[in-house]
ModelCIF file with pLDDT and N, C-alpha, C, O atoms, coordinates in Angstrom:
data_MODEL
#
_entry.id   MODEL 
#
_entity.id                         1 
_entity.type                       polymer 
_entity.pdbx_number_of_molecules   1 
#
_entity_poly.entity_id                      1 
_entity_poly.type                           'polypeptide(L)' 
_entity_poly.nstd_linkage                   no 
_entity_poly.nstd_monomer                   no 
_entity_poly.pdbx_seq_one_letter_code       
;(UNK)(UNK)(UNK)(UNK)(UNK)(UNK)(UNK)(UNK)(UNK)(UNK)(UNK)(UNK)(UNK)(UNK)(UNK)(UNK)
(UNK)(UNK)(UNK)(UNK)(UNK)(UNK)(UNK)(UNK)(UNK)(UNK)(UNK)(UNK)(UNK)(UNK)(UNK)(UNK)
(UNK)(UNK)(UNK)(UNK)(UNK)(UNK)(UNK)(UNK)
;
_entity_poly.pdbx_seq_one_letter_code_can   XXXXXXXXXXXXXXXXXXXXXXXXXXXXXXXXXXXXXXXX 
_entity_poly.pdbx_strand_id                 A 
#
loop_
_entity_poly_seq.entity_id 
_entity_poly_seq.num 
_entity_poly_seq.mon_id 
_entity_poly_seq.hetero 
1 1  UNK n 
1 2  UNK n 
1 3  UNK n 
1 4  UNK n 
1 5  UNK n 
1 6  UNK n 
1 7  UNK n 
1 8  UNK n 
1 9  UNK n 
1 10 UNK n 
1 11 UNK n 
1 12 UNK n 
1 13 UNK n 
1 14 UNK n 
1 15 UNK n 
1 16 UNK n 
1 17 UNK n 
1 18 UNK n 
1 19 UNK n 
1 20 UNK n 
1 21 UNK n 
1 22 UNK n 
1 23 UNK n 
1 24 UNK n 
1 25 UNK n 
1 26 UNK n 
1 27 UNK n 
1 28 UNK n 
1 29 UNK n 
1 30 UNK n 
1 31 UNK n 
1 32 UNK n 
1 33 UNK n 
1 34 UNK n 
1 35 UNK n 
1 36 UNK n 
1 37 UNK n 
1 38 UNK n 
1 39 UNK n 
1 40 UNK n 
#
_struct_asym.id          A 
_struct_asym.entity_id   1 
#
loop_
_ma_qa_metric.id 
_ma_qa_metric.mode 
_ma_qa_metric.name 
_ma_qa_metric.software_group_id 
_ma_qa_metric.type 
1 global pLDDT . pLDDT 
2 local  pLDDT . pLDDT 
#
_ma_qa_metric_global.metric_id      1 
_ma_qa_metric_global.metric_value   87.28 
_ma_qa_metric_global.model_id       1 
_ma_qa_metric_global.ordinal_id     1 
#
loop_
_ma_qa_metric_local.label_asym_id 
_ma_qa_metric_local.label_comp_id 
_ma_qa_metric_local.label_seq_id 
_ma_qa_metric_local.metric_id 
_ma_qa_metric_local.metric_value 
_ma_qa_metric_local.model_id 
_ma_qa_metric_local.ordinal_id 
A UNK 1  2 89.00 1 1  
A UNK 2  2 89.00 1 2  
A UNK 3  2 89.00 1 3  
A UNK 4  2 87.00 1 4  
A UNK 5  2 87.00 1 5  
A UNK 6  2 88.00 1 6  
A UNK 7  2 92.00 1 7  
A UNK 8  2 92.00 1 8  
A UNK 9  2 89.00 1 9  
A UNK 10 2 85.00 1 10 
A UNK 11 2 87.00 1 11 
A UNK 12 2 91.00 1 12 
A UNK 13 2 93.00 1 13 
A UNK 14 2 94.00 1 14 
A UNK 15 2 94.00 1 15 
A UNK 16 2 90.00 1 16 
A UNK 17 2 87.00 1 17 
A UNK 18 2 83.00 1 18 
A UNK 19 2 85.00 1 19 
A UNK 20 2 87.00 1 20 
A UNK 21 2 85.00 1 21 
A UNK 22 2 85.00 1 22 
A UNK 23 2 90.00 1 23 
A UNK 24 2 89.00 1 24 
A UNK 25 2 84.00 1 25 
A UNK 26 2 85.00 1 26 
A UNK 27 2 89.00 1 27 
A UNK 28 2 85.00 1 28 
A UNK 29 2 81.00 1 29 
A UNK 30 2 83.00 1 30 
A UNK 31 2 86.00 1 31 
A UNK 32 2 81.00 1 32 
A UNK 33 2 79.00 1 33 
A UNK 34 2 79.00 1 34 
A UNK 35 2 80.00 1 35 
A UNK 36 2 83.00 1 36 
A UNK 37 2 88.00 1 37 
A UNK 38 2 91.00 1 38 
A UNK 39 2 94.00 1 39 
A UNK 40 2 96.00 1 40 
#
loop_
_atom_site.group_PDB 
_atom_site.id 
_atom_site.type_symbol 
_atom_site.label_atom_id 
_atom_site.label_alt_id 
_atom_site.label_comp_id 
_atom_site.label_asym_id 
_atom_site.label_entity_id 
_atom_site.label_seq_id 
_atom_site.pdbx_PDB_ins_code 
_atom_site.Cartn_x 
_atom_site.Cartn_y 
_atom_site.Cartn_z 
_atom_site.occupancy 
_atom_site.B_iso_or_equiv 
_atom_site.pdbx_formal_charge 
_atom_site.auth_seq_id 
_atom_site.auth_comp_id 
_atom_site.auth_asym_id 
_atom_site.auth_atom_id 
_atom_site.pdbx_PDB_model_num 
ATOM 1   N N  . UNK A 1 1  ? 9.191  -8.481  213.821 1.00 89.00 ? 1  UNK A N  1 
ATOM 2   C CA . UNK A 1 1  ? 8.285  -7.481  214.372 1.00 89.00 ? 1  UNK A CA 1 
ATOM 3   C C  . UNK A 1 1  ? 9.068  -6.599  215.348 1.00 89.00 ? 1  UNK A C  1 
ATOM 4   O O  . UNK A 1 1  ? 9.680  -7.100  216.291 1.00 89.00 ? 1  UNK A O  1 
ATOM 5   N N  . UNK A 1 2  ? 9.045  -5.278  215.115 1.00 89.00 ? 2  UNK A N  1 
ATOM 6   C CA . UNK A 1 2  ? 9.805  -4.324  215.924 1.00 89.00 ? 2  UNK A CA 1 
ATOM 7   C C  . UNK A 1 2  ? 8.831  -3.326  216.542 1.00 89.00 ? 2  UNK A C  1 
ATOM 8   O O  . UNK A 1 2  ? 8.048  -2.689  215.838 1.00 89.00 ? 2  UNK A O  1 
ATOM 9   N N  . UNK A 1 3  ? 8.892  -3.200  217.863 1.00 89.00 ? 3  UNK A N  1 
ATOM 10  C CA . UNK A 1 3  ? 8.020  -2.253  218.554 1.00 89.00 ? 3  UNK A CA 1 
ATOM 11  C C  . UNK A 1 3  ? 8.343  -0.829  218.106 1.00 89.00 ? 3  UNK A C  1 
ATOM 12  O O  . UNK A 1 3  ? 9.501  -0.481  217.875 1.00 89.00 ? 3  UNK A O  1 
ATOM 13  N N  . UNK A 1 4  ? 7.282  -0.007  217.988 1.00 87.00 ? 4  UNK A N  1 
ATOM 14  C CA . UNK A 1 4  ? 7.485  1.351   217.500 1.00 87.00 ? 4  UNK A CA 1 
ATOM 15  C C  . UNK A 1 4  ? 8.390  2.175   218.403 1.00 87.00 ? 4  UNK A C  1 
ATOM 16  O O  . UNK A 1 4  ? 9.095  3.065   217.928 1.00 87.00 ? 4  UNK A O  1 
ATOM 17  N N  . UNK A 1 5  ? 8.378  1.887   219.700 1.00 87.00 ? 5  UNK A N  1 
ATOM 18  C CA . UNK A 1 5  ? 9.211  2.679   220.603 1.00 87.00 ? 5  UNK A CA 1 
ATOM 19  C C  . UNK A 1 5  ? 10.699 2.483   220.313 1.00 87.00 ? 5  UNK A C  1 
ATOM 20  O O  . UNK A 1 5  ? 11.534 3.294   220.712 1.00 87.00 ? 5  UNK A O  1 
ATOM 21  N N  . UNK A 1 6  ? 11.013 1.395   219.613 1.00 88.00 ? 6  UNK A N  1 
ATOM 22  C CA . UNK A 1 6  ? 12.408 1.164   219.232 1.00 88.00 ? 6  UNK A CA 1 
ATOM 23  C C  . UNK A 1 6  ? 12.767 1.899   217.951 1.00 88.00 ? 6  UNK A C  1 
ATOM 24  O O  . UNK A 1 6  ? 13.941 2.150   217.680 1.00 88.00 ? 6  UNK A O  1 
ATOM 25  N N  . UNK A 1 7  ? 11.741 2.250   217.153 1.00 92.00 ? 7  UNK A N  1 
ATOM 26  C CA . UNK A 1 7  ? 11.981 2.884   215.848 1.00 92.00 ? 7  UNK A CA 1 
ATOM 27  C C  . UNK A 1 7  ? 11.683 4.379   215.839 1.00 92.00 ? 7  UNK A C  1 
ATOM 28  O O  . UNK A 1 7  ? 12.443 5.165   215.273 1.00 92.00 ? 7  UNK A O  1 
ATOM 29  N N  . UNK A 1 8  ? 10.575 4.769   216.467 1.00 92.00 ? 8  UNK A N  1 
ATOM 30  C CA . UNK A 1 8  ? 10.102 6.146   216.355 1.00 92.00 ? 8  UNK A CA 1 
ATOM 31  C C  . UNK A 1 8  ? 9.744  6.734   217.725 1.00 92.00 ? 8  UNK A C  1 
ATOM 32  O O  . UNK A 1 8  ? 9.433  6.008   218.670 1.00 92.00 ? 8  UNK A O  1 
ATOM 33  N N  . UNK A 1 9  ? 9.795  8.033   217.801 1.00 89.00 ? 9  UNK A N  1 
ATOM 34  C CA . UNK A 1 9  ? 9.223  8.732   218.945 1.00 89.00 ? 9  UNK A CA 1 
ATOM 35  C C  . UNK A 1 9  ? 7.721  8.802   218.734 1.00 89.00 ? 9  UNK A C  1 
ATOM 36  O O  . UNK A 1 9  ? 7.247  8.638   217.610 1.00 89.00 ? 9  UNK A O  1 
ATOM 37  N N  . UNK A 1 10 ? 6.961  9.044   219.805 1.00 85.00 ? 10 UNK A N  1 
ATOM 38  C CA . UNK A 1 10 ? 5.506  9.078   219.721 1.00 85.00 ? 10 UNK A CA 1 
ATOM 39  C C  . UNK A 1 10 ? 5.041  10.112  218.696 1.00 85.00 ? 10 UNK A C  1 
ATOM 40  O O  . UNK A 1 10 ? 5.433  11.278  218.737 1.00 85.00 ? 10 UNK A O  1 
ATOM 41  N N  . UNK A 1 11 ? 4.194  9.646   217.775 1.00 87.00 ? 11 UNK A N  1 
ATOM 42  C CA . UNK A 1 11 ? 3.633  10.525  216.753 1.00 87.00 ? 11 UNK A CA 1 
ATOM 43  C C  . UNK A 1 11 ? 4.596  10.909  215.660 1.00 87.00 ? 11 UNK A C  1 
ATOM 44  O O  . UNK A 1 11 ? 4.243  11.711  214.794 1.00 87.00 ? 11 UNK A O  1 
ATOM 45  N N  . UNK A 1 12 ? 5.833  10.355  215.663 1.00 91.00 ? 12 UNK A N  1 
ATOM 46  C CA . UNK A 1 12 ? 6.832  10.720  214.662 1.00 91.00 ? 12 UNK A CA 1 
ATOM 47  C C  . UNK A 1 12 ? 7.012  9.606   213.637 1.00 91.00 ? 12 UNK A C  1 
ATOM 48  O O  . UNK A 1 12 ? 6.708  8.444   213.911 1.00 91.00 ? 12 UNK A O  1 
ATOM 49  N N  . UNK A 1 13 ? 7.503  9.964   212.466 1.00 93.00 ? 13 UNK A N  1 
ATOM 50  C CA . UNK A 1 13 ? 7.830  8.961   211.462 1.00 93.00 ? 13 UNK A CA 1 
ATOM 51  C C  . UNK A 1 13 ? 9.309  9.034   211.076 1.00 93.00 ? 13 UNK A C  1 
ATOM 52  O O  . UNK A 1 13 ? 9.712  8.533   210.026 1.00 93.00 ? 13 UNK A O  1 
ATOM 53  N N  . UNK A 1 14 ? 10.111 9.666   211.942 1.00 94.00 ? 14 UNK A N  1 
ATOM 54  C CA . UNK A 1 14 ? 11.551 9.755   211.725 1.00 94.00 ? 14 UNK A CA 1 
ATOM 55  C C  . UNK A 1 14 ? 12.227 8.611   212.484 1.00 94.00 ? 14 UNK A C  1 
ATOM 56  O O  . UNK A 1 14 ? 12.055 8.482   213.696 1.00 94.00 ? 14 UNK A O  1 
ATOM 57  N N  . UNK A 1 15 ? 12.993 7.785   211.775 1.00 94.00 ? 15 UNK A N  1 
ATOM 58  C CA . UNK A 1 15 ? 13.662 6.636   212.391 1.00 94.00 ? 15 UNK A CA 1 
ATOM 59  C C  . UNK A 1 15 ? 14.800 7.132   213.278 1.00 94.00 ? 15 UNK A C  1 
ATOM 60  O O  . UNK A 1 15 ? 15.620 7.941   212.844 1.00 94.00 ? 15 UNK A O  1 
ATOM 61  N N  . UNK A 1 16 ? 14.852 6.640   214.541 1.00 90.00 ? 16 UNK A N  1 
ATOM 62  C CA . UNK A 1 16 ? 15.900 7.085   215.466 1.00 90.00 ? 16 UNK A CA 1 
ATOM 63  C C  . UNK A 1 16 ? 17.198 6.309   215.246 1.00 90.00 ? 16 UNK A C  1 
ATOM 64  O O  . UNK A 1 16 ? 17.237 5.330   214.501 1.00 90.00 ? 16 UNK A O  1 
ATOM 65  N N  . UNK A 1 17 ? 18.241 6.762   215.900 1.00 87.00 ? 17 UNK A N  1 
ATOM 66  C CA . UNK A 1 17 ? 19.566 6.184   215.690 1.00 87.00 ? 17 UNK A CA 1 
ATOM 67  C C  . UNK A 1 17 ? 19.664 4.750   216.187 1.00 87.00 ? 17 UNK A C  1 
ATOM 68  O O  . UNK A 1 17 ? 20.340 3.933   215.562 1.00 87.00 ? 17 UNK A O  1 
ATOM 69  N N  . UNK A 1 18 ? 19.004 4.419   217.300 1.00 83.00 ? 18 UNK A N  1 
ATOM 70  C CA . UNK A 1 18 ? 19.063 3.055   217.828 1.00 83.00 ? 18 UNK A CA 1 
ATOM 71  C C  . UNK A 1 18 ? 18.450 2.078   216.829 1.00 83.00 ? 18 UNK A C  1 
ATOM 72  O O  . UNK A 1 18 ? 18.941 0.963   216.654 1.00 83.00 ? 18 UNK A O  1 
ATOM 73  N N  . UNK A 1 19 ? 17.367 2.514   216.173 1.00 85.00 ? 19 UNK A N  1 
ATOM 74  C CA . UNK A 1 19 ? 16.694 1.651   215.201 1.00 85.00 ? 19 UNK A CA 1 
ATOM 75  C C  . UNK A 1 19 ? 17.597 1.346   214.025 1.00 85.00 ? 19 UNK A C  1 
ATOM 76  O O  . UNK A 1 19 ? 17.554 0.245   213.478 1.00 85.00 ? 19 UNK A O  1 
ATOM 77  N N  . UNK A 1 20 ? 18.418 2.316   213.627 1.00 87.00 ? 20 UNK A N  1 
ATOM 78  C CA . UNK A 1 20 ? 19.281 2.103   212.470 1.00 87.00 ? 20 UNK A CA 1 
ATOM 79  C C  . UNK A 1 20 ? 20.267 0.957   212.728 1.00 87.00 ? 20 UNK A C  1 
ATOM 80  O O  . UNK A 1 20 ? 20.662 0.249   211.801 1.00 87.00 ? 20 UNK A O  1 
ATOM 81  N N  . UNK A 1 21 ? 20.663 0.781   214.003 1.00 85.00 ? 21 UNK A N  1 
ATOM 82  C CA . UNK A 1 21 ? 21.561 -0.326  214.336 1.00 85.00 ? 21 UNK A CA 1 
ATOM 83  C C  . UNK A 1 21 ? 20.870 -1.662  214.092 1.00 85.00 ? 21 UNK A C  1 
ATOM 84  O O  . UNK A 1 21 ? 21.452 -2.576  213.507 1.00 85.00 ? 21 UNK A O  1 
ATOM 85  N N  . UNK A 1 22 ? 19.622 -1.765  214.547 1.00 85.00 ? 22 UNK A N  1 
ATOM 86  C CA . UNK A 1 22 ? 18.849 -3.001  214.339 1.00 85.00 ? 22 UNK A CA 1 
ATOM 87  C C  . UNK A 1 22 ? 18.590 -3.219  212.851 1.00 85.00 ? 22 UNK A C  1 
ATOM 88  O O  . UNK A 1 22 ? 18.746 -4.331  212.347 1.00 85.00 ? 22 UNK A O  1 
ATOM 89  N N  . UNK A 1 23 ? 18.192 -2.154  212.149 1.00 90.00 ? 23 UNK A N  1 
ATOM 90  C CA . UNK A 1 23 ? 17.901 -2.270  210.720 1.00 90.00 ? 23 UNK A CA 1 
ATOM 91  C C  . UNK A 1 23 ? 19.156 -2.624  209.926 1.00 90.00 ? 23 UNK A C  1 
ATOM 92  O O  . UNK A 1 23 ? 19.070 -3.268  208.880 1.00 90.00 ? 23 UNK A O  1 
ATOM 93  N N  . UNK A 1 24 ? 20.317 -2.206  210.419 1.00 89.00 ? 24 UNK A N  1 
ATOM 94  C CA . UNK A 1 24 ? 21.566 -2.568  209.755 1.00 89.00 ? 24 UNK A CA 1 
ATOM 95  C C  . UNK A 1 24 ? 21.793 -4.069  209.787 1.00 89.00 ? 24 UNK A C  1 
ATOM 96  O O  . UNK A 1 24 ? 22.288 -4.641  208.815 1.00 89.00 ? 24 UNK A O  1 
ATOM 97  N N  . UNK A 1 25 ? 21.437 -4.716  210.895 1.00 84.00 ? 25 UNK A N  1 
ATOM 98  C CA . UNK A 1 25 ? 21.577 -6.169  210.993 1.00 84.00 ? 25 UNK A CA 1 
ATOM 99  C C  . UNK A 1 25 ? 20.581 -6.877  210.067 1.00 84.00 ? 25 UNK A C  1 
ATOM 100 O O  . UNK A 1 25 ? 20.909 -7.882  209.435 1.00 84.00 ? 25 UNK A O  1 
ATOM 101 N N  . UNK A 1 26 ? 19.364 -6.336  210.001 1.00 85.00 ? 26 UNK A N  1 
ATOM 102 C CA . UNK A 1 26 ? 18.358 -6.899  209.086 1.00 85.00 ? 26 UNK A CA 1 
ATOM 103 C C  . UNK A 1 26 ? 18.833 -6.772  207.650 1.00 85.00 ? 26 UNK A C  1 
ATOM 104 O O  . UNK A 1 26 ? 18.704 -7.711  206.864 1.00 85.00 ? 26 UNK A O  1 
ATOM 105 N N  . UNK A 1 27 ? 19.389 -5.604  207.300 1.00 89.00 ? 27 UNK A N  1 
ATOM 106 C CA . UNK A 1 27 ? 19.868 -5.370  205.935 1.00 89.00 ? 27 UNK A CA 1 
ATOM 107 C C  . UNK A 1 27 ? 20.963 -6.356  205.568 1.00 89.00 ? 27 UNK A C  1 
ATOM 108 O O  . UNK A 1 27 ? 21.022 -6.829  204.433 1.00 89.00 ? 27 UNK A O  1 
ATOM 109 N N  . UNK A 1 28 ? 21.823 -6.665  206.514 1.00 85.00 ? 28 UNK A N  1 
ATOM 110 C CA . UNK A 1 28 ? 22.921 -7.607  206.260 1.00 85.00 ? 28 UNK A CA 1 
ATOM 111 C C  . UNK A 1 28 ? 22.377 -8.974  205.854 1.00 85.00 ? 28 UNK A C  1 
ATOM 112 O O  . UNK A 1 28 ? 22.874 -9.589  204.910 1.00 85.00 ? 28 UNK A O  1 
ATOM 113 N N  . UNK A 1 29 ? 21.353 -9.451  206.572 1.00 81.00 ? 29 UNK A N  1 
ATOM 114 C CA . UNK A 1 29 ? 20.768 -10.762 206.265 1.00 81.00 ? 29 UNK A CA 1 
ATOM 115 C C  . UNK A 1 29 ? 20.026 -10.712 204.933 1.00 81.00 ? 29 UNK A C  1 
ATOM 116 O O  . UNK A 1 29 ? 20.156 -11.624 204.116 1.00 81.00 ? 29 UNK A O  1 
ATOM 117 N N  . UNK A 1 30 ? 19.241 -9.640  204.706 1.00 83.00 ? 30 UNK A N  1 
ATOM 118 C CA . UNK A 1 30 ? 18.474 -9.518  203.461 1.00 83.00 ? 30 UNK A CA 1 
ATOM 119 C C  . UNK A 1 30 ? 19.410 -9.476  202.257 1.00 83.00 ? 30 UNK A C  1 
ATOM 120 O O  . UNK A 1 30 ? 19.134 -10.098 201.231 1.00 83.00 ? 30 UNK A O  1 
ATOM 121 N N  . UNK A 1 31 ? 20.495 -8.756  202.379 1.00 86.00 ? 31 UNK A N  1 
ATOM 122 C CA . UNK A 1 31 ? 21.442 -8.663  201.262 1.00 86.00 ? 31 UNK A CA 1 
ATOM 123 C C  . UNK A 1 31 ? 22.107 -10.000 200.949 1.00 86.00 ? 31 UNK A C  1 
ATOM 124 O O  . UNK A 1 31 ? 22.590 -10.207 199.836 1.00 86.00 ? 31 UNK A O  1 
ATOM 125 N N  . UNK A 1 32 ? 22.135 -10.911 201.930 1.00 81.00 ? 32 UNK A N  1 
ATOM 126 C CA . UNK A 1 32 ? 22.748 -12.230 201.690 1.00 81.00 ? 32 UNK A CA 1 
ATOM 127 C C  . UNK A 1 32 ? 21.799 -13.176 200.976 1.00 81.00 ? 32 UNK A C  1 
ATOM 128 O O  . UNK A 1 32 ? 22.190 -14.280 200.595 1.00 81.00 ? 32 UNK A O  1 
ATOM 129 N N  . UNK A 1 33 ? 20.555 -12.751 200.791 1.00 79.00 ? 33 UNK A N  1 
ATOM 130 C CA . UNK A 1 33 ? 19.544 -13.589 200.133 1.00 79.00 ? 33 UNK A CA 1 
ATOM 131 C C  . UNK A 1 33 ? 19.013 -12.860 198.902 1.00 79.00 ? 33 UNK A C  1 
ATOM 132 O O  . UNK A 1 33 ? 17.970 -12.210 198.973 1.00 79.00 ? 33 UNK A O  1 
ATOM 133 N N  . UNK A 1 34 ? 19.718 -12.959 197.773 1.00 79.00 ? 34 UNK A N  1 
ATOM 134 C CA . UNK A 1 34 ? 19.318 -12.189 196.584 1.00 79.00 ? 34 UNK A CA 1 
ATOM 135 C C  . UNK A 1 34 ? 17.961 -12.581 196.018 1.00 79.00 ? 34 UNK A C  1 
ATOM 136 O O  . UNK A 1 34 ? 17.368 -11.796 195.278 1.00 79.00 ? 34 UNK A O  1 
ATOM 137 N N  . UNK A 1 35 ? 17.447 -13.760 196.336 1.00 80.00 ? 35 UNK A N  1 
ATOM 138 C CA . UNK A 1 35 ? 16.155 -14.199 195.781 1.00 80.00 ? 35 UNK A CA 1 
ATOM 139 C C  . UNK A 1 35 ? 14.976 -13.883 196.694 1.00 80.00 ? 35 UNK A C  1 
ATOM 140 O O  . UNK A 1 35 ? 13.883 -14.415 196.501 1.00 80.00 ? 35 UNK A O  1 
ATOM 141 N N  . UNK A 1 36 ? 15.190 -13.018 197.692 1.00 83.00 ? 36 UNK A N  1 
ATOM 142 C CA . UNK A 1 36 ? 14.122 -12.677 198.624 1.00 83.00 ? 36 UNK A CA 1 
ATOM 143 C C  . UNK A 1 36 ? 13.785 -11.192 198.520 1.00 83.00 ? 36 UNK A C  1 
ATOM 144 O O  . UNK A 1 36 ? 14.629 -10.363 198.180 1.00 83.00 ? 36 UNK A O  1 
ATOM 145 N N  . UNK A 1 37 ? 12.525 -10.883 198.825 1.00 88.00 ? 37 UNK A N  1 
ATOM 146 C CA . UNK A 1 37 ? 12.061 -9.497  198.884 1.00 88.00 ? 37 UNK A CA 1 
ATOM 147 C C  . UNK A 1 37 ? 11.808 -9.110  200.334 1.00 88.00 ? 37 UNK A C  1 
ATOM 148 O O  . UNK A 1 37 ? 11.701 -9.966  201.212 1.00 88.00 ? 37 UNK A O  1 
ATOM 149 N N  . UNK A 1 38 ? 11.715 -7.808  200.568 1.00 91.00 ? 38 UNK A N  1 
ATOM 150 C CA . UNK A 1 38 ? 11.551 -7.307  201.931 1.00 91.00 ? 38 UNK A CA 1 
ATOM 151 C C  . UNK A 1 38 ? 10.400 -6.293  201.938 1.00 91.00 ? 38 UNK A C  1 
ATOM 152 O O  . UNK A 1 38 ? 10.481 -5.242  201.302 1.00 91.00 ? 38 UNK A O  1 
ATOM 153 N N  . UNK A 1 39 ? 9.335  -6.623  202.665 1.00 94.00 ? 39 UNK A N  1 
ATOM 154 C CA . UNK A 1 39 ? 8.189  -5.717  202.762 1.00 94.00 ? 39 UNK A CA 1 
ATOM 155 C C  . UNK A 1 39 ? 8.138  -5.127  204.166 1.00 94.00 ? 39 UNK A C  1 
ATOM 156 O O  . UNK A 1 39 ? 8.135  -5.852  205.160 1.00 94.00 ? 39 UNK A O  1 
ATOM 157 N N  . UNK A 1 40 ? 8.099  -3.805  204.228 1.00 96.00 ? 40 UNK A N  1 
ATOM 158 C CA . UNK A 1 40 ? 7.989  -3.103  205.512 1.00 96.00 ? 40 UNK A CA 1 
ATOM 159 C C  . UNK A 1 40 ? 6.518  -2.764  205.719 1.00 96.00 ? 40 UNK A C  1 
ATOM 160 O O  . UNK A 1 40 ? 6.160  -2.167  206.734 1.00 96.00 ? 40 UNK A O  1 
#
């Protein structure tokens, strides 16, 4: 669970640069588990 203030500006749906760092770590773990799905 990621707070919106870490991902988006208020009222925006554009992912900010700080969020991409966190999402990069999530992607690394997800890619290591080929039998798992990822729902946002």
